[in-house]
C-alpha atoms as a PDB file:
ATOM      1  CA  ARG A   1     150.382 118.913 148.189  1.00  0.00           C
ATOM      2  CA  SER A   2     148.581 116.133 150.129  1.00  0.00           C
ATOM      3  CA  ILE A   3     145.586 117.135 152.341  1.00  0.00           C
ATOM      4  CA  TRP A   4     143.597 114.857 155.056  1.00  0.00           C
ATOM      5  CA  VAL A   5     140.047 114.799 154.599  1.00  0.00           C
ATOM      6  CA  THR A   6     137.668 112.432 156.853  1.00  0.00           C
ATOM      7  CA  GLY A   7     141.106 110.837 157.445  1.00  0.00           C
ATOM      8  CA  VAL A   8     141.791 109.932 153.804  1.00  0.00           C
ATOM      9  CA  GLN A   9     144.911 110.948 152.040  1.00  0.00           C
ATOM     10  CA  THR A  10     143.919 113.356 149.111  1.00  0.00           C
ATOM     11  CA  CYS A  11     145.849 114.943 146.544  1.00  0.00           C
ATOM     12  CA  ALA A  12     145.105 118.383 145.040  1.00  0.00           C
ATOM     13  CA  LEU A  13     145.215 118.315 141.468  1.00  0.00           C
ATOM     14  CA  PRO A  14     143.821 121.293 138.547  1.00  0.00           C
ATOM     15  CA  ILE A  15     141.190 120.174 136.466  1.00  0.00           C
ATOM     16  CA  PHE A  16     141.502 120.193 132.839  1.00  0.00           C
ATOM     17  CA  GLU A  17     140.410 123.160 131.040  1.00  0.00           C
ATOM     18  CA  THR A  18     140.415 122.393 127.338  1.00  0.00           C
ATOM     19  CA  VAL A  19     139.499 118.715 126.783  1.00  0.00           C
ATOM     20  CA  GLN A  20     137.978 118.033 123.751  1.00  0.00           C
ATOM     21  CA  VAL A  21     135.575 115.148 124.316  1.00  0.00           C
ATOM     22  CA  GLN A  22     132.717 113.741 121.650  1.00  0.00           C
ATOM     23  CA  ARG A  23     129.186 115.065 123.037  1.00  0.00           C
ATOM     24  CA  GLY A  24     126.442 112.626 122.053  1.00  0.00           C
ATOM     25  CA  VAL A  25     122.778 111.288 123.124  1.00  0.00           C
ATOM     26  CA  THR A  26     122.332 108.078 124.391  1.00  0.00           C
ATOM     27  CA  ALA A  27     119.235 106.768 124.110  1.00  0.00           C
ATOM     28  CA  ASN A  28     117.569 102.938 123.758  1.00  0.00           C
ATOM     29  CA  GLY A  29     115.682 101.321 121.415  1.00  0.00           C
ATOM     30  CA  THR A  30     114.400  98.701 118.889  1.00  0.00           C
ATOM     31  CA  VAL A  31     115.447  97.843 115.247  1.00  0.00           C
ATOM     32  CA  TYR A  32     112.832  97.071 112.775  1.00  0.00           C
ATOM     33  CA  ALA A  33     112.058  96.892 108.808  1.00  0.00           C
ATOM     34  CA  TRP A  34     112.362  99.731 106.965  1.00  0.00           C
ATOM     35  CA  GLN A  35     109.284  98.734 105.113  1.00  0.00           C
ATOM     36  CA  GLU A  36     107.724  95.057 105.302  1.00  0.00           C
ATOM     37  CA  ILE A  37     105.901  94.552 102.209  1.00  0.00           C
ATOM     38  CA  VAL A  38     102.580  91.566 102.404  1.00  0.00           C
ATOM     39  CA  ILE A  39     102.304  89.597  99.439  1.00  0.00           C
ATOM     40  CA  GLY A  40      99.070  88.095  98.541  1.00  0.00           C
ATOM     41  CA  PRO A  41      97.168  86.667  95.380  1.00  0.00           C
ATOM     42  CA  GLU A  42      94.914  89.059  93.697  1.00  0.00           C
ATOM     43  CA  VAL A  43      92.942  86.556  92.370  1.00  0.00           C
ATOM     44  CA  GLY A  44      91.328  83.892  94.739  1.00  0.00           C
ATOM     45  CA  GLY A  45      89.894  80.607  94.263  1.00  0.00           C
ATOM     46  CA  TYR A  46      92.538  78.324  92.850  1.00  0.00           C
ATOM     47  CA  LEU A  47      95.136  75.867  94.308  1.00  0.00           C
ATOM     48  CA  VAL A  48      98.861  76.759  95.326  1.00  0.00           C
ATOM     49  CA  ALA A  49     100.772  74.949  92.550  1.00  0.00           C
ATOM     50  CA  ALA A  50     104.367  76.072  93.945  1.00  0.00           C
ATOM     51  CA  VAL A  51     105.882  77.870  96.259  1.00  0.00           C
ATOM     52  CA  ASN A  52     109.119  78.933  94.814  1.00  0.00           C
ATOM     53  CA  VAL A  53     110.960  80.540  97.662  1.00  0.00           C
ATOM     54  CA  ASP A  54     111.218  80.520 101.559  1.00  0.00           C
ATOM     55  CA  VAL A  55     112.114  82.940 104.580  1.00  0.00           C
ATOM     56  CA  GLY A  56     115.686  84.126 104.049  1.00  0.00           C
ATOM     57  CA  ASP A  57     115.735  84.325 100.774  1.00  0.00           C
ATOM     58  CA  ARG A  58     116.823  87.186  98.496  1.00  0.00           C
ATOM     59  CA  VAL A  59     114.661  88.148  95.844  1.00  0.00           C
ATOM     60  CA  ARG A  60     114.754  90.204  92.633  1.00  0.00           C
ATOM     61  CA  LYS A  61     111.696  92.749  91.772  1.00  0.00           C
ATOM     62  CA  GLY A  62     109.055  90.595  89.334  1.00  0.00           C
ATOM     63  CA  GLN A  63     110.731  87.561  90.225  1.00  0.00           C
ATOM     64  CA  ALA A  64     108.054  84.512  90.639  1.00  0.00           C
ATOM     65  CA  LEU A  65     107.048  83.414  94.331  1.00  0.00           C
ATOM     66  CA  VAL A  66     104.506  81.621  94.343  1.00  0.00           C
ATOM     67  CA  GLN A  67     102.640  79.856  91.072  1.00  0.00           C
ATOM     68  CA  LEU A  68      98.931  78.923  91.431  1.00  0.00           C
ATOM     69  CA  SER A  69      96.997  76.193  89.311  1.00  0.00           C
ATOM     70  CA  GLU A  70      96.492  77.535  86.020  1.00  0.00           C
ATOM     71  CA  ASP A  71      94.216  75.254  84.115  1.00  0.00           C
ATOM     72  CA  LEU A  72      90.559  76.995  85.082  1.00  0.00           C
ATOM     73  CA  LEU A  73      91.686  80.311  84.374  1.00  0.00           C
ATOM     74  CA  ALA A  74      93.496  78.689  81.216  1.00  0.00           C
ATOM     75  CA  ALA A  75      90.522  77.381  80.249  1.00  0.00           C
ATOM     76  CA  GLU A  76      88.735  80.912  80.679  1.00  0.00           C
ATOM     77  CA  VAL A  77      90.879  82.330  78.476  1.00  0.00           C
ATOM     78  CA  ALA A  78      90.631  80.216  75.552  1.00  0.00           C
ATOM     79  CA  SER A  79      86.650  80.299  76.254  1.00  0.00           C
ATOM     80  CA  LYS A  80      86.390  84.298  76.109  1.00  0.00           C
ATOM     81  CA  ARG A  81      88.874  84.219  72.769  1.00  0.00           C
ATOM     82  CA  ALA A  82      86.138  81.938  71.258  1.00  0.00           C
ATOM     83  CA  ASN A  83      83.499  84.174  71.977  1.00  0.00           C
ATOM     84  CA  LEU A  84      85.849  87.357  70.722  1.00  0.00           C
ATOM     85  CA  GLU A  85      86.136  85.583  67.159  1.00  0.00           C
ATOM     86  CA  GLN A  86      82.201  84.797  67.111  1.00  0.00           C
ATOM     87  CA  ALA A  87      81.241  88.404  67.861  1.00  0.00           C
ATOM     88  CA  GLN A  88      83.982  89.583  65.240  1.00  0.00           C
ATOM     89  CA  ALA A  89      82.356  87.134  62.809  1.00  0.00           C
ATOM     90  CA  SER A  90      78.667  88.531  63.615  1.00  0.00           C
ATOM     91  CA  LEU A  91      80.442  92.220  63.317  1.00  0.00           C
ATOM     92  CA  GLU A  92      81.274  91.237  60.101  1.00  0.00           C
ATOM     93  CA  ASN A  93      77.931  90.337  58.325  1.00  0.00           C
ATOM     94  CA  ALA A  94      76.300  92.859  59.836  1.00  0.00           C
ATOM     95  CA  ALA A  95      78.731  95.190  58.495  1.00  0.00           C
ATOM     96  CA  ALA A  96      78.511  93.600  54.884  1.00  0.00           C
ATOM     97  CA  ALA A  97      74.231  93.548  55.291  1.00  0.00           C
ATOM     98  CA  TYR A  98      74.482  97.677  56.037  1.00  0.00           C
ATOM     99  CA  ARG A  99      76.612  98.248  53.299  1.00  0.00           C
ATOM    100  CA  ARG A 100      74.019  95.711  50.564  1.00  0.00           C
ATOM    101  CA  ALA A 101      71.806  98.211  52.013  1.00  0.00           C
ATOM    102  CA  GLN A 102      73.207 101.442  51.423  1.00  0.00           C
ATOM    103  CA  SER A 103      73.747 100.180  47.949  1.00  0.00           C
ATOM    104  CA  LEU A 104      70.000  99.732  47.213  1.00  0.00           C
ATOM    105  CA  SER A 105      69.098 102.671  49.702  1.00  0.00           C
ATOM    106  CA  GLY A 106      68.571 104.686  45.798  1.00  0.00           C
ATOM    107  CA  SER A 107      66.496 101.891  44.277  1.00  0.00           C
ATOM    108  CA  GLY A 108      63.514 102.551  46.934  1.00  0.00           C
ATOM    109  CA  ALA A 109      64.170  98.308  47.413  1.00  0.00           C
ATOM    110  CA  LEU A 110      64.379  98.876  51.223  1.00  0.00           C
ATOM    111  CA  SER A 111      62.371 101.510  53.483  1.00  0.00           C
ATOM    112  CA  GLN A 112      63.965 104.016  55.719  1.00  0.00           C
ATOM    113  CA  SER A 113      62.951 101.656  58.717  1.00  0.00           C
ATOM    114  CA  ASP A 114      64.800  98.349  57.293  1.00  0.00           C
ATOM    115  CA  MET A 115      67.993 101.002  56.775  1.00  0.00           C
ATOM    116  CA  ASP A 116      67.586 101.832  60.382  1.00  0.00           C
ATOM    117  CA  LYS A 117      67.352  98.635  62.007  1.00  0.00           C
ATOM    118  CA  LEU A 118      70.025  97.278  59.445  1.00  0.00           C
ATOM    119  CA  ARG A 119      72.421  99.780  61.024  1.00  0.00           C
ATOM    120  CA  SER A 120      71.201  99.382  64.638  1.00  0.00           C
ATOM    121  CA  GLU A 121      72.518  95.770  64.435  1.00  0.00           C
ATOM    122  CA  GLU A 122      75.961  96.808  63.264  1.00  0.00           C
ATOM    123  CA  LEU A 123      76.577  98.690  65.920  1.00  0.00           C
ATOM    124  CA  ALA A 124      75.236  96.344  68.642  1.00  0.00           C
ATOM    125  CA  ALA A 125      77.432  93.876  66.505  1.00  0.00           C
ATOM    126  CA  ARG A 126      80.305  95.783  67.173  1.00  0.00           C
ATOM    127  CA  ALA A 127      79.639  96.346  70.808  1.00  0.00           C
ATOM    128  CA  ARG A 128      79.389  92.555  71.544  1.00  0.00           C
ATOM    129  CA  VAL A 129      83.459  92.886  69.770  1.00  0.00           C
ATOM    130  CA  GLU A 130      84.520  95.717  72.593  1.00  0.00           C
ATOM    131  CA  VAL A 131      82.656  93.599  75.451  1.00  0.00           C
ATOM    132  CA  SER A 132      84.127  90.324  74.253  1.00  0.00           C
ATOM    133  CA  LYS A 133      87.248  91.855  74.036  1.00  0.00           C
ATOM    134  CA  ALA A 134      87.176  93.432  77.469  1.00  0.00           C
ATOM    135  CA  GLU A 135      86.027  89.979  78.899  1.00  0.00           C
ATOM    136  CA  LEU A 136      89.395  88.461  76.734  1.00  0.00           C
ATOM    137  CA  GLN A 137      91.502  90.546  78.264  1.00  0.00           C
ATOM    138  CA  GLY A 138      90.150  90.316  82.395  1.00  0.00           C
ATOM    139  CA  ALA A 139      90.611  86.483  81.642  1.00  0.00           C
ATOM    140  CA  ASP A 140      94.243  86.962  80.446  1.00  0.00           C
ATOM    141  CA  LEU A 141      94.723  89.438  83.220  1.00  0.00           C
ATOM    142  CA  ARG A 142      93.862  86.972  85.875  1.00  0.00           C
ATOM    143  CA  LEU A 143      95.882  83.868  84.597  1.00  0.00           C
ATOM    144  CA  ARG A 144      98.721  86.448  84.918  1.00  0.00           C
ATOM    145  CA  HIS A 145      98.220  87.160  87.858  1.00  0.00           C
ATOM    146  CA  THR A 146      98.040  82.845  88.706  1.00  0.00           C
ATOM    147  CA  ARG A 147     101.813  83.977  89.159  1.00  0.00           C
ATOM    148  CA  VAL A 148     102.527  85.713  92.331  1.00  0.00           C
ATOM    149  CA  THR A 149     105.686  88.317  91.989  1.00  0.00           C
ATOM    150  CA  ALA A 150     107.877  90.106  94.186  1.00  0.00           C
ATOM    151  CA  SER A 151     106.702  93.937  93.793  1.00  0.00           C
ATOM    152  CA  ASP A 152     110.512  95.362  94.514  1.00  0.00           C
ATOM    153  CA  ASP A 153     113.713  93.761  95.635  1.00  0.00           C
ATOM    154  CA  GLY A 154     114.348  92.171  99.395  1.00  0.00           C
ATOM    155  CA  ILE A 155     114.838  89.851 101.500  1.00  0.00           C
ATOM    156  CA  ILE A 156     111.673  86.583 102.337  1.00  0.00           C
ATOM    157  CA  SER A 157     111.004  87.517 105.932  1.00  0.00           C
ATOM    158  CA  ALA A 158     107.876  85.422 106.703  1.00  0.00           C
ATOM    159  CA  ARG A 159     105.885  82.583 105.147  1.00  0.00           C
ATOM    160  CA  SER A 160     102.513  81.121 105.465  1.00  0.00           C
ATOM    161  CA  VAL A 161     101.904  79.445 101.898  1.00  0.00           C
ATOM    162  CA  ASN A 162     101.883  76.081 101.599  1.00  0.00           C
ATOM    163  CA  VAL A 163     101.461  73.999  98.082  1.00  0.00           C
ATOM    164  CA  GLY A 164      98.007  72.172  98.137  1.00  0.00           C
ATOM    165  CA  GLN A 165      96.187  75.358  99.636  1.00  0.00           C
ATOM    166  CA  VAL A 166      93.420  77.125  98.149  1.00  0.00           C
ATOM    167  CA  ALA A 167      94.412  80.798  98.022  1.00  0.00           C
ATOM    168  CA  GLN A 168      91.840  83.899  98.825  1.00  0.00           C
ATOM    169  CA  VAL A 169      92.192  87.217  97.792  1.00  0.00           C
ATOM    170  CA  GLY A 170      93.416  89.431 100.330  1.00  0.00           C
ATOM    171  CA  SER A 171      95.298  86.748 102.703  1.00  0.00           C
ATOM    172  CA  GLU A 172      99.172  86.724 103.227  1.00  0.00           C
ATOM    173  CA  MET A 173     101.470  84.335 101.517  1.00  0.00           C
ATOM    174  CA  LEU A 174     104.677  85.905 102.425  1.00  0.00           C
ATOM    175  CA  ARG A 175     106.262  88.861 103.488  1.00  0.00           C
ATOM    176  CA  LEU A 176     109.196  91.229 101.938  1.00  0.00           C
ATOM    177  CA  LEU A 177     111.659  93.000 103.572  1.00  0.00           C
ATOM    178  CA  ARG A 178     111.655  95.779 100.990  1.00  0.00           C
ATOM    179  CA  LYS A 179     115.106  96.371  99.634  1.00  0.00           C
ATOM    180  CA  GLY A 180     116.723  94.111 102.652  1.00  0.00           C
ATOM    181  CA  ARG A 181     117.096  97.501 105.147  1.00  0.00           C
ATOM    182  CA  VAL A 182     116.413  98.055 108.169  1.00  0.00           C
ATOM    183  CA  GLU A 183     116.494 100.619 110.480  1.00  0.00           C
ATOM    184  CA  TRP A 184     116.791 101.420 114.298  1.00  0.00           C
ATOM    185  CA  ARG A 185     114.041 103.720 116.388  1.00  0.00           C
ATOM    186  CA  ALA A 186     115.552 105.759 119.341  1.00  0.00           C
ATOM    187  CA  GLU A 187     113.143 107.318 122.018  1.00  0.00           C
ATOM    188  CA  ILE A 188     114.895 110.573 122.556  1.00  0.00           C
ATOM    189  CA  PRO A 189     113.700 112.997 125.504  1.00  0.00           C
ATOM    190  CA  GLU A 190     111.685 115.761 123.737  1.00  0.00           C
ATOM    191  CA  SER A 191     113.964 118.103 125.878  1.00  0.00           C
ATOM    192  CA  ARG A 192     117.065 116.788 123.715  1.00  0.00           C
ATOM    193  CA  MET A 193     115.083 116.462 120.527  1.00  0.00           C
ATOM    194  CA  ARG A 194     116.510 119.775 119.266  1.00  0.00           C
ATOM    195  CA  GLU A 195     120.045 118.584 119.605  1.00  0.00           C
ATOM    196  CA  ILE A 196     119.535 115.928 116.686  1.00  0.00           C
ATOM    197  CA  GLY A 197     119.554 116.398 113.095  1.00  0.00           C
ATOM    198  CA  ILE A 198     119.674 114.358 110.114  1.00  0.00           C
ATOM    199  CA  GLY A 199     122.313 112.682 108.814  1.00  0.00           C
ATOM    200  CA  GLN A 200     124.183 112.621 112.111  1.00  0.00           C
ATOM    201  CA  ASN A 201     126.377 109.276 112.927  1.00  0.00           C
ATOM    202  CA  VAL A 202     125.006 107.001 115.980  1.00  0.00           C
ATOM    203  CA  LYS A 203     127.078 104.051 117.319  1.00  0.00           C
ATOM    204  CA  LEU A 204     124.916 100.987 118.274  1.00  0.00           C
ATOM    205  CA  THR A 205     125.557  98.225 120.332  1.00  0.00           C
ATOM    206  CA  THR A 206     122.685  95.329 120.357  1.00  0.00           C
ATOM    207  CA  ALA A 207     122.105  93.147 123.177  1.00  0.00           C
ATOM    208  CA  ASP A 208     124.319  90.681 121.973  1.00  0.00           C
ATOM    209  CA  GLY A 209     127.495  92.814 121.701  1.00  0.00           C
ATOM    210  CA  ALA A 210     128.044  93.656 118.524  1.00  0.00           C
ATOM    211  CA  GLN A 211     128.904  97.236 117.349  1.00  0.00           C
ATOM    212  CA  LEU A 212     127.225  98.928 114.444  1.00  0.00           C
ATOM    213  CA  GLU A 213     126.996 102.502 112.835  1.00  0.00           C
ATOM    214  CA  GLY A 214     124.442 104.251 111.329  1.00  0.00           C
ATOM    215  CA  LYS A 215     123.274 107.564 110.161  1.00  0.00           C
ATOM    216  CA  VAL A 216     119.964 109.954 111.645  1.00  0.00           C
ATOM    217  CA  ARG A 217     117.228 109.308 108.625  1.00  0.00           C
ATOM    218  CA  ALA A 218     114.459 110.793 109.768  1.00  0.00           C
ATOM    219  CA  ILE A 219     112.849 112.537 113.356  1.00  0.00           C
ATOM    220  CA  ALA A 220     109.523 112.228 114.210  1.00  0.00           C
ATOM    221  CA  PRO A 221     107.943 115.631 114.311  1.00  0.00           C
ATOM    222  CA  THR A 222     105.675 115.169 117.135  1.00  0.00           C
ATOM    223  CA  VAL A 223     106.277 113.925 120.979  1.00  0.00           C
ATOM    224  CA  GLU A 224     104.237 111.000 122.714  1.00  0.00           C
ATOM    225  CA  SER A 225     102.662 112.488 125.406  1.00  0.00           C
ATOM    226  CA  SER A 226     102.333 109.586 127.854  1.00  0.00           C
ATOM    227  CA  THR A 227     106.753 109.657 127.637  1.00  0.00           C
ATOM    228  CA  ARG A 228     108.122 112.806 126.400  1.00  0.00           C
ATOM    229  CA  ALA A 229     109.444 111.154 124.188  1.00  0.00           C
ATOM    230  CA  GLY A 230     110.485 111.764 120.277  1.00  0.00           C
ATOM    231  CA  LEU A 231     111.195 108.383 117.482  1.00  0.00           C
ATOM    232  CA  VAL A 232     114.654 109.132 115.872  1.00  0.00           C
ATOM    233  CA  TYR A 233     114.696 107.093 112.560  1.00  0.00           C
ATOM    234  CA  VAL A 234     118.360 105.670 112.023  1.00  0.00           C
ATOM    235  CA  ASP A 235     119.456 103.736 108.821  1.00  0.00           C
ATOM    236  CA  ILE A 236     121.603 100.481 109.424  1.00  0.00           C
ATOM    237  CA  PRO A 237     123.349  98.534 107.055  1.00  0.00           C
ATOM    238  CA  SER A 238     121.539  95.405 106.826  1.00  0.00           C
ATOM    239  CA  ASN A 239     124.969  93.542 106.059  1.00  0.00           C
ATOM    240  CA  ARG A 240     125.774  94.274 109.936  1.00  0.00           C
ATOM    241  CA  GLY A 241     123.784  91.264 111.340  1.00  0.00           C
ATOM    242  CA  ALA A 242     121.155  93.567 112.450  1.00  0.00           C
ATOM    243  CA  ARG A 243     117.309  92.009 112.363  1.00  0.00           C
ATOM    244  CA  PRO A 244     114.161  93.549 113.380  1.00  0.00           C
ATOM    245  CA  GLY A 245     113.174  92.682 116.822  1.00  0.00           C
ATOM    246  CA  MET A 246     116.179  93.603 117.812  1.00  0.00           C
ATOM    247  CA  PHE A 247     117.320  95.687 120.811  1.00  0.00           C
ATOM    248  CA  ALA A 248     120.006  98.028 120.791  1.00  0.00           C
ATOM    249  CA  ARG A 249     121.558 100.924 122.613  1.00  0.00           C
ATOM    250  CA  GLY A 250     122.850 103.487 120.759  1.00  0.00           C
ATOM    251  CA  GLU A 251     124.518 107.072 121.191  1.00  0.00           C
ATOM    252  CA  ILE A 252     123.723 110.076 118.723  1.00  0.00           C
ATOM    253  CA  LEU A 253     126.814 111.689 118.110  1.00  0.00           C
ATOM    254  CA  LEU A 254     126.734 115.531 118.000  1.00  0.00           C
ATOM    255  CA  GLY A 255     129.900 116.618 117.565  1.00  0.00           C
ATOM    256  CA  GLN A 256     133.411 117.999 119.475  1.00  0.00           C
ATOM    257  CA  ALA A 257     133.035 120.247 122.155  1.00  0.00           C
ATOM    258  CA  ALA A 258     135.342 121.747 124.940  1.00  0.00           C
ATOM    259  CA  ALA A 259     134.959 120.147 128.305  1.00  0.00           C
ATOM    260  CA  SER A 260     136.655 120.461 131.898  1.00  0.00           C
ATOM    261  CA  MET A 261     137.287 117.373 132.899  1.00  0.00           C
ATOM    262  CA  VAL A 262     138.657 115.905 136.246  1.00  0.00           C
ATOM    263  CA  SER A 263     139.113 111.976 137.718  1.00  0.00           C
ATOM    264  CA  LEU A 264     136.541 109.840 138.577  1.00  0.00           C
ATOM    265  CA  SER A 265     138.023 109.294 141.925  1.00  0.00           C
ATOM    266  CA  SER A 266     137.271 113.116 142.677  1.00  0.00           C
ATOM    267  CA  ILE A 267     133.295 112.519 142.753  1.00  0.00           C
ATOM    268  CA  VAL A 268     131.428 111.763 145.954  1.00  0.00           C
ATOM    269  CA  THR A 269     127.710 110.693 145.839  1.00  0.00           C
ATOM    270  CA  GLN A 270     125.507 111.571 148.812  1.00  0.00           C
ATOM    271  CA  ASP A 271     121.847 112.014 149.478  1.00  0.00           C
ATOM    272  CA  GLY A 272     121.056 111.360 145.423  1.00  0.00           C
ATOM    273  CA  TYR A 273     123.620 114.983 144.917  1.00  0.00           C
ATOM    274  CA  THR A 274     127.532 114.882 143.179  1.00  0.00           C
ATOM    275  CA  TYR A 275     129.752 117.025 144.933  1.00  0.00           C
ATOM    276  CA  VAL A 276     133.992 117.351 144.571  1.00  0.00           C
ATOM    277  CA  PHE A 277     136.403 119.233 147.420  1.00  0.00           C
ATOM    278  CA  VAL A 278     137.677 122.426 146.151  1.00  0.00           C
ATOM    279  CA  VAL A 279     141.040 123.677 147.042  1.00  0.00           C
ATOM    280  CA  SER A 280     141.511 127.363 147.497  1.00  0.00           C
ATOM    281  CA  ASP A 281     144.573 129.528 147.882  1.00  0.00           C
ATOM    282  CA  GLN A 282     144.759 129.546 151.206  1.00  0.00           C
ATOM    283  CA  GLN A 283     144.528 125.606 150.835  1.00  0.00           C
ATOM    284  CA  LEU A 284     140.922 125.598 152.799  1.00  0.00           C
ATOM    285  CA  VAL A 285     139.006 122.707 151.624  1.00  0.00           C
ATOM    286  CA  ALA A 286     135.548 122.953 150.511  1.00  0.00           C
ATOM    287  CA  ARG A 287     132.729 120.925 148.958  1.00  0.00           C
ATOM    288  CA  ARG A 288     131.065 122.044 146.100  1.00  0.00           C
ATOM    289  CA  ARG A 289     127.968 120.305 144.570  1.00  0.00           C
ATOM    290  CA  VAL A 290     128.525 120.095 140.847  1.00  0.00           C
ATOM    291  CA  GLU A 291     126.570 118.522 137.721  1.00  0.00           C
ATOM    292  CA  THR A 292     128.321 115.848 135.754  1.00  0.00           C
ATOM    293  CA  GLY A 293     128.065 115.112 132.280  1.00  0.00           C
ATOM    294  CA  ALA A 294     129.849 112.505 129.674  1.00  0.00           C
ATOM    295  CA  VAL A 295     132.513 109.891 131.155  1.00  0.00           C
ATOM    296  CA  ARG A 296     135.662 109.189 129.393  1.00  0.00           C
ATOM    297  CA  GLY A 297     137.604 106.622 130.547  1.00  0.00           C
ATOM    298  CA  LYS A 298     138.988 107.563 134.019  1.00  0.00           C
ATOM    299  CA  GLN A 299     137.586 111.195 133.664  1.00  0.00           C
ATOM    300  CA  ILE A 300     134.494 112.935 134.536  1.00  0.00           C
ATOM    301  CA  GLU A 301     133.107 116.207 132.835  1.00  0.00           C
ATOM    302  CA  ILE A 302     132.004 118.966 135.609  1.00  0.00           C
ATOM    303  CA  VAL A 303     128.959 120.891 133.509  1.00  0.00           C
ATOM    304  CA  SER A 304     128.459 123.281 136.340  1.00  0.00           C
ATOM    305  CA  GLY A 305     129.464 123.827 140.161  1.00  0.00           C
ATOM    306  CA  VAL A 306     133.088 124.236 139.240  1.00  0.00           C
ATOM    307  CA  GLN A 307     135.247 126.707 137.308  1.00  0.00           C
ATOM    308  CA  PRO A 308     138.179 126.633 134.985  1.00  0.00           C
ATOM    309  CA  GLY A 309     141.836 126.684 136.944  1.00  0.00           C
ATOM    310  CA  GLU A 310     140.153 125.592 140.289  1.00  0.00           C
ATOM    311  CA  ARG A 311     141.661 122.909 142.016  1.00  0.00           C
ATOM    312  CA  VAL A 312     139.489 119.623 142.702  1.00  0.00           C
ATOM    313  CA  VAL A 313     140.993 116.960 145.384  1.00  0.00           C
ATOM    314  CA  ALA A 314     141.238 113.375 144.134  1.00  0.00           C
ATOM    315  CA  ILE A 315     140.829 111.002 147.118  1.00  0.00           C
ATOM    316  CA  TRP A 316     143.279 108.503 146.790  1.00  0.00           C
ATOM    317  CA  ARG A 317     144.653 106.279 149.333  1.00  0.00           C
ATOM    318  CA  SER A 318     148.569 106.017 150.870  1.00  0.00           C
ATOM    319  CA  GLU A 319     149.194 102.151 149.342  1.00  0.00           C
ATOM    320  CA  GLU A 320     148.144 103.491 145.473  1.00  0.00           C
ATOM    321  CA  ARG A 321     151.656 104.623 145.198  1.00  0.00           C
ATOM    322  CA  ARG A 322     150.652 105.728 141.289  1.00  0.00           C
ATOM    323  CA  VAL A 323     148.456 108.434 142.415  1.00  0.00           C
ATOM    324  CA  GLY A 324     150.618 109.432 145.139  1.00  0.00           C
ATOM    325  CA  LYS A 325     153.580 109.552 142.879  1.00  0.00           C
ATOM    326  CA  GLU A 326     151.161 112.088 140.400  1.00  0.00           C
ATOM    327  CA  CYS A 327     150.419 113.845 143.630  1.00  0.00           C
ATOM    328  CA  ARG A 328     153.972 114.636 144.570  1.00  0.00           C
ATOM    329  CA  SER A 329     155.016 115.521 140.899  1.00  0.00           C
END
């Protein structure tokens, strides 16, 4: 039946009582690297001889990324090896002298002090051998560290090293996006943090319109006091075009739930509040303040203010024949 409200023809239609809608929490956030590894040399003072990768290259764990000059360290290794051989020769002589002295100990040809001296010389020679071994191992380790390798699989995300520069310990050469994984970090109001759970599906839309899907990986245990929002970490497939630094808007899906829906044409906004017109059994129209929820197509959810089964006025103009036909039906 048609009704006139403030000069506009309307139609009283029952609200939908048990429409299943997808619940979700909408939030904004930024795409970040899951883990970004800073790669630098463990030895310093040597020229960069070669850089084998560039930004965007995929690398494997253990792959050689940067090669430093080996000449000085190779010479040091050779010198330390020679020192070890010399120390081993001295040990053999000292050990042989002590053995001869032991064989003569019963004849009285050597005093006890002479025996102690030979014994101490053997121990000192043995200690010099151990020191030479340690020095050789250290030099050999520094030589191996001239080959800067990837600590894990991933993608090179930044490069600041060039051939010919002198490498310094602790300086950054490359950045590695570990495993190629990225994540979306969403700021969720503290009032809705309780609804979020690990493993929930997430639909994302980037600034360029790309549609992505992800899953909640972790939820921050704290809430930022200045914004009253908590961080939710969402894993995103790295092969879908999401790049660290990108903005994305997303919806964390909470599941299906029943909802009472009305046509968007039923909603009237005034003074910052939302109203609908409700028709009673006596055909009396009353304005009712309501709280709205999710929008699905041309319908909107009524969270509170209207009871299931009540008729809500859908406003339409006389020239809108389609709505008029629905009203007559």
